[in-house]
């Protein structure tokens, strides 16, 4: 069995666009297509960054998210 892609969804605050993006990606996860973690930008750890194969930034507007790249 092929390993699933680990997707880290990063957002600034809980707002409608962020909630919906996470919901859609969680649906893909429930269909066995990927693994997902969603977290506020200020709470991302080195462990999260090492875990992720792909990062999705939702409505990214702060320097906090730029520093994660």
N, C-alpha and C. Protein backbone atom coordinates (compact mmCIF):
# COMPACT_ATOMS: atom_id res chain seq x y z
N UNK A 1 0.83 -1.19 0.00
CA UNK A 1 0.00 0.00 0.00
C UNK A 1 0.88 1.26 0.00
N UNK A 2 0.51 2.21 -0.82
CA UNK A 2 1.26 3.45 -0.95
C UNK A 2 0.98 4.37 0.23
N UNK A 3 2.03 5.04 0.73
CA UNK A 3 1.87 5.98 1.84
C UNK A 3 1.06 7.19 1.37
N UNK A 4 0.22 7.69 2.26
CA UNK A 4 -0.59 8.86 1.95
C UNK A 4 0.21 10.14 2.16
N UNK A 5 -0.14 11.17 1.42
CA UNK A 5 0.49 12.48 1.57
C UNK A 5 -0.01 13.13 2.86
N UNK A 6 0.91 13.70 3.61
CA UNK A 6 0.57 14.44 4.84
C UNK A 6 0.41 15.92 4.48
N UNK A 7 -0.79 16.43 4.68
CA UNK A 7 -1.11 17.82 4.33
C UNK A 7 -1.33 18.61 5.61
N UNK A 8 -0.56 19.67 5.77
CA UNK A 8 -0.70 20.57 6.91
C UNK A 8 -1.40 21.84 6.43
N UNK A 9 -2.58 22.10 6.99
CA UNK A 9 -3.35 23.29 6.65
C UNK A 9 -3.10 24.34 7.73
N UNK A 10 -2.60 25.48 7.32
CA UNK A 10 -2.23 26.55 8.25
C UNK A 10 -3.13 27.76 7.99
N UNK A 11 -3.64 28.33 9.06
CA UNK A 11 -4.51 29.50 8.94
C UNK A 11 -4.24 30.44 10.11
N UNK A 12 -4.64 31.70 9.95
CA UNK A 12 -4.43 32.69 11.01
C UNK A 12 -5.49 32.61 12.09
N UNK A 13 -6.74 32.62 11.68
CA UNK A 13 -7.86 32.60 12.63
C UNK A 13 -8.96 31.71 12.09
N UNK A 14 -9.88 31.35 12.95
CA UNK A 14 -11.03 30.54 12.51
C UNK A 14 -12.06 31.49 11.92
N UNK A 15 -12.15 31.47 10.61
CA UNK A 15 -13.14 32.26 9.88
C UNK A 15 -13.73 31.38 8.80
N UNK A 16 -14.84 31.78 8.20
CA UNK A 16 -15.55 30.90 7.26
C UNK A 16 -14.69 30.27 6.16
N UNK A 17 -13.85 31.04 5.52
CA UNK A 17 -13.03 30.48 4.43
C UNK A 17 -12.09 29.40 4.96
N UNK A 18 -11.50 29.63 6.11
CA UNK A 18 -10.59 28.66 6.70
C UNK A 18 -11.32 27.40 7.13
N UNK A 19 -12.47 27.58 7.75
CA UNK A 19 -13.27 26.44 8.21
C UNK A 19 -13.68 25.57 7.03
N UNK A 20 -14.11 26.19 5.94
CA UNK A 20 -14.55 25.44 4.77
C UNK A 20 -13.40 24.72 4.10
N UNK A 21 -12.25 25.36 4.02
CA UNK A 21 -11.08 24.71 3.42
C UNK A 21 -10.70 23.46 4.21
N UNK A 22 -10.68 23.59 5.52
CA UNK A 22 -10.36 22.43 6.38
C UNK A 22 -11.42 21.35 6.20
N UNK A 23 -12.68 21.73 6.10
CA UNK A 23 -13.76 20.75 5.94
C UNK A 23 -13.57 19.94 4.65
N UNK A 24 -13.23 20.62 3.57
CA UNK A 24 -13.05 19.94 2.29
C UNK A 24 -11.84 19.00 2.35
N UNK A 25 -10.75 19.45 2.92
CA UNK A 25 -9.56 18.60 3.01
C UNK A 25 -9.81 17.42 3.95
N UNK A 26 -10.56 17.63 5.02
CA UNK A 26 -10.93 16.52 5.92
C UNK A 26 -11.79 15.49 5.19
N UNK A 27 -12.62 15.94 4.27
CA UNK A 27 -13.43 15.01 3.47
C UNK A 27 -12.52 14.13 2.62
N UNK A 28 -11.49 14.71 2.03
CA UNK A 28 -10.52 13.92 1.28
C UNK A 28 -9.82 12.91 2.19
N UNK A 29 -9.53 13.34 3.41
CA UNK A 29 -8.90 12.45 4.38
C UNK A 29 -9.84 11.28 4.72
N UNK A 30 -11.11 11.57 4.93
CA UNK A 30 -12.06 10.51 5.27
C UNK A 30 -12.27 9.54 4.11
N UNK A 31 -11.97 9.98 2.89
CA UNK A 31 -12.04 9.10 1.72
C UNK A 31 -10.72 8.35 1.49
N UNK A 32 -9.79 8.48 2.43
CA UNK A 32 -8.53 7.75 2.35
C UNK A 32 -7.54 8.28 1.34
N UNK A 33 -7.66 9.54 0.99
CA UNK A 33 -6.81 10.11 -0.05
C UNK A 33 -5.56 10.81 0.51
N UNK A 34 -5.57 11.20 1.77
CA UNK A 34 -4.45 11.92 2.37
C UNK A 34 -4.60 11.92 3.88
N UNK A 35 -3.57 12.39 4.57
CA UNK A 35 -3.62 12.64 6.00
C UNK A 35 -3.61 14.15 6.20
N UNK A 36 -4.39 14.65 7.14
CA UNK A 36 -4.53 16.09 7.32
C UNK A 36 -4.32 16.50 8.77
N UNK A 37 -3.67 17.62 8.93
CA UNK A 37 -3.61 18.34 10.20
C UNK A 37 -3.94 19.78 9.88
N UNK A 38 -4.72 20.42 10.74
CA UNK A 38 -4.99 21.85 10.56
C UNK A 38 -4.64 22.54 11.86
N UNK A 39 -4.01 23.70 11.73
CA UNK A 39 -3.50 24.38 12.92
C UNK A 39 -3.34 25.87 12.66
N UNK A 40 -3.52 26.66 13.72
CA UNK A 40 -3.28 28.10 13.62
C UNK A 40 -1.79 28.35 13.43
N UNK A 41 -1.46 29.36 12.66
CA UNK A 41 -0.06 29.66 12.32
C UNK A 41 0.82 29.84 13.55
N UNK A 42 0.29 30.44 14.59
CA UNK A 42 1.09 30.70 15.79
C UNK A 42 1.35 29.43 16.61
N UNK A 43 0.68 28.33 16.28
CA UNK A 43 0.83 27.09 17.04
C UNK A 43 1.57 25.99 16.28
N UNK A 44 2.04 26.29 15.08
CA UNK A 44 2.77 25.30 14.29
C UNK A 44 4.11 25.00 14.95
N UNK A 45 4.41 23.72 15.10
CA UNK A 45 5.67 23.31 15.74
C UNK A 45 6.63 22.73 14.69
N UNK A 46 7.86 22.54 15.08
CA UNK A 46 8.83 21.88 14.21
C UNK A 46 8.37 20.48 13.86
N UNK A 47 7.73 19.80 14.80
CA UNK A 47 7.18 18.47 14.56
C UNK A 47 6.17 18.51 13.43
N UNK A 48 5.28 19.51 13.44
CA UNK A 48 4.28 19.66 12.37
C UNK A 48 4.97 19.86 11.02
N UNK A 49 5.98 20.70 10.99
CA UNK A 49 6.68 20.99 9.74
C UNK A 49 7.39 19.75 9.20
N UNK A 50 8.00 18.96 10.08
CA UNK A 50 8.67 17.74 9.64
C UNK A 50 7.66 16.69 9.16
N UNK A 51 6.48 16.67 9.76
CA UNK A 51 5.44 15.70 9.40
C UNK A 51 4.88 15.98 8.00
N UNK A 52 4.77 17.25 7.65
CA UNK A 52 4.07 17.65 6.43
C UNK A 52 4.86 17.37 5.16
N UNK A 53 4.16 16.78 4.18
CA UNK A 53 4.70 16.69 2.82
C UNK A 53 4.32 17.94 2.03
N UNK A 54 3.15 18.47 2.36
CA UNK A 54 2.60 19.64 1.68
C UNK A 54 1.96 20.55 2.71
N UNK A 55 2.14 21.85 2.51
CA UNK A 55 1.50 22.83 3.38
C UNK A 55 0.53 23.67 2.56
N UNK A 56 -0.66 23.90 3.11
CA UNK A 56 -1.66 24.75 2.48
C UNK A 56 -1.88 25.94 3.41
N UNK A 57 -1.62 27.13 2.90
CA UNK A 57 -1.86 28.35 3.67
C UNK A 57 -3.17 28.95 3.20
N UNK A 58 -4.10 29.14 4.12
CA UNK A 58 -5.43 29.63 3.76
C UNK A 58 -5.51 31.12 4.09
N UNK A 59 -5.77 31.92 3.06
CA UNK A 59 -5.89 33.37 3.21
C UNK A 59 -4.72 33.96 4.00
N UNK A 60 -3.56 33.57 3.61
CA UNK A 60 -2.33 33.96 4.29
C UNK A 60 -2.08 35.46 4.13
N UNK A 61 -1.98 36.17 5.26
CA UNK A 61 -1.75 37.61 5.22
C UNK A 61 -0.72 38.09 6.23
N UNK A 62 -0.12 37.18 6.99
CA UNK A 62 0.77 37.65 8.05
C UNK A 62 2.21 37.18 7.84
N UNK A 63 3.12 37.87 8.48
CA UNK A 63 4.53 37.50 8.42
C UNK A 63 4.79 36.20 9.18
N UNK A 64 3.91 35.82 10.07
CA UNK A 64 4.05 34.56 10.81
C UNK A 64 4.08 33.41 9.81
N UNK A 65 3.19 33.40 8.85
CA UNK A 65 3.14 32.34 7.86
C UNK A 65 4.34 32.38 6.92
N UNK A 66 4.80 33.56 6.59
CA UNK A 66 5.99 33.69 5.74
C UNK A 66 7.19 33.06 6.44
N UNK A 67 7.30 33.24 7.73
CA UNK A 67 8.42 32.68 8.49
C UNK A 67 8.40 31.16 8.54
N UNK A 68 7.26 30.53 8.28
CA UNK A 68 7.17 29.08 8.31
C UNK A 68 7.72 28.42 7.05
N UNK A 69 7.86 29.22 6.00
CA UNK A 69 8.29 28.67 4.71
C UNK A 69 9.76 28.38 4.69
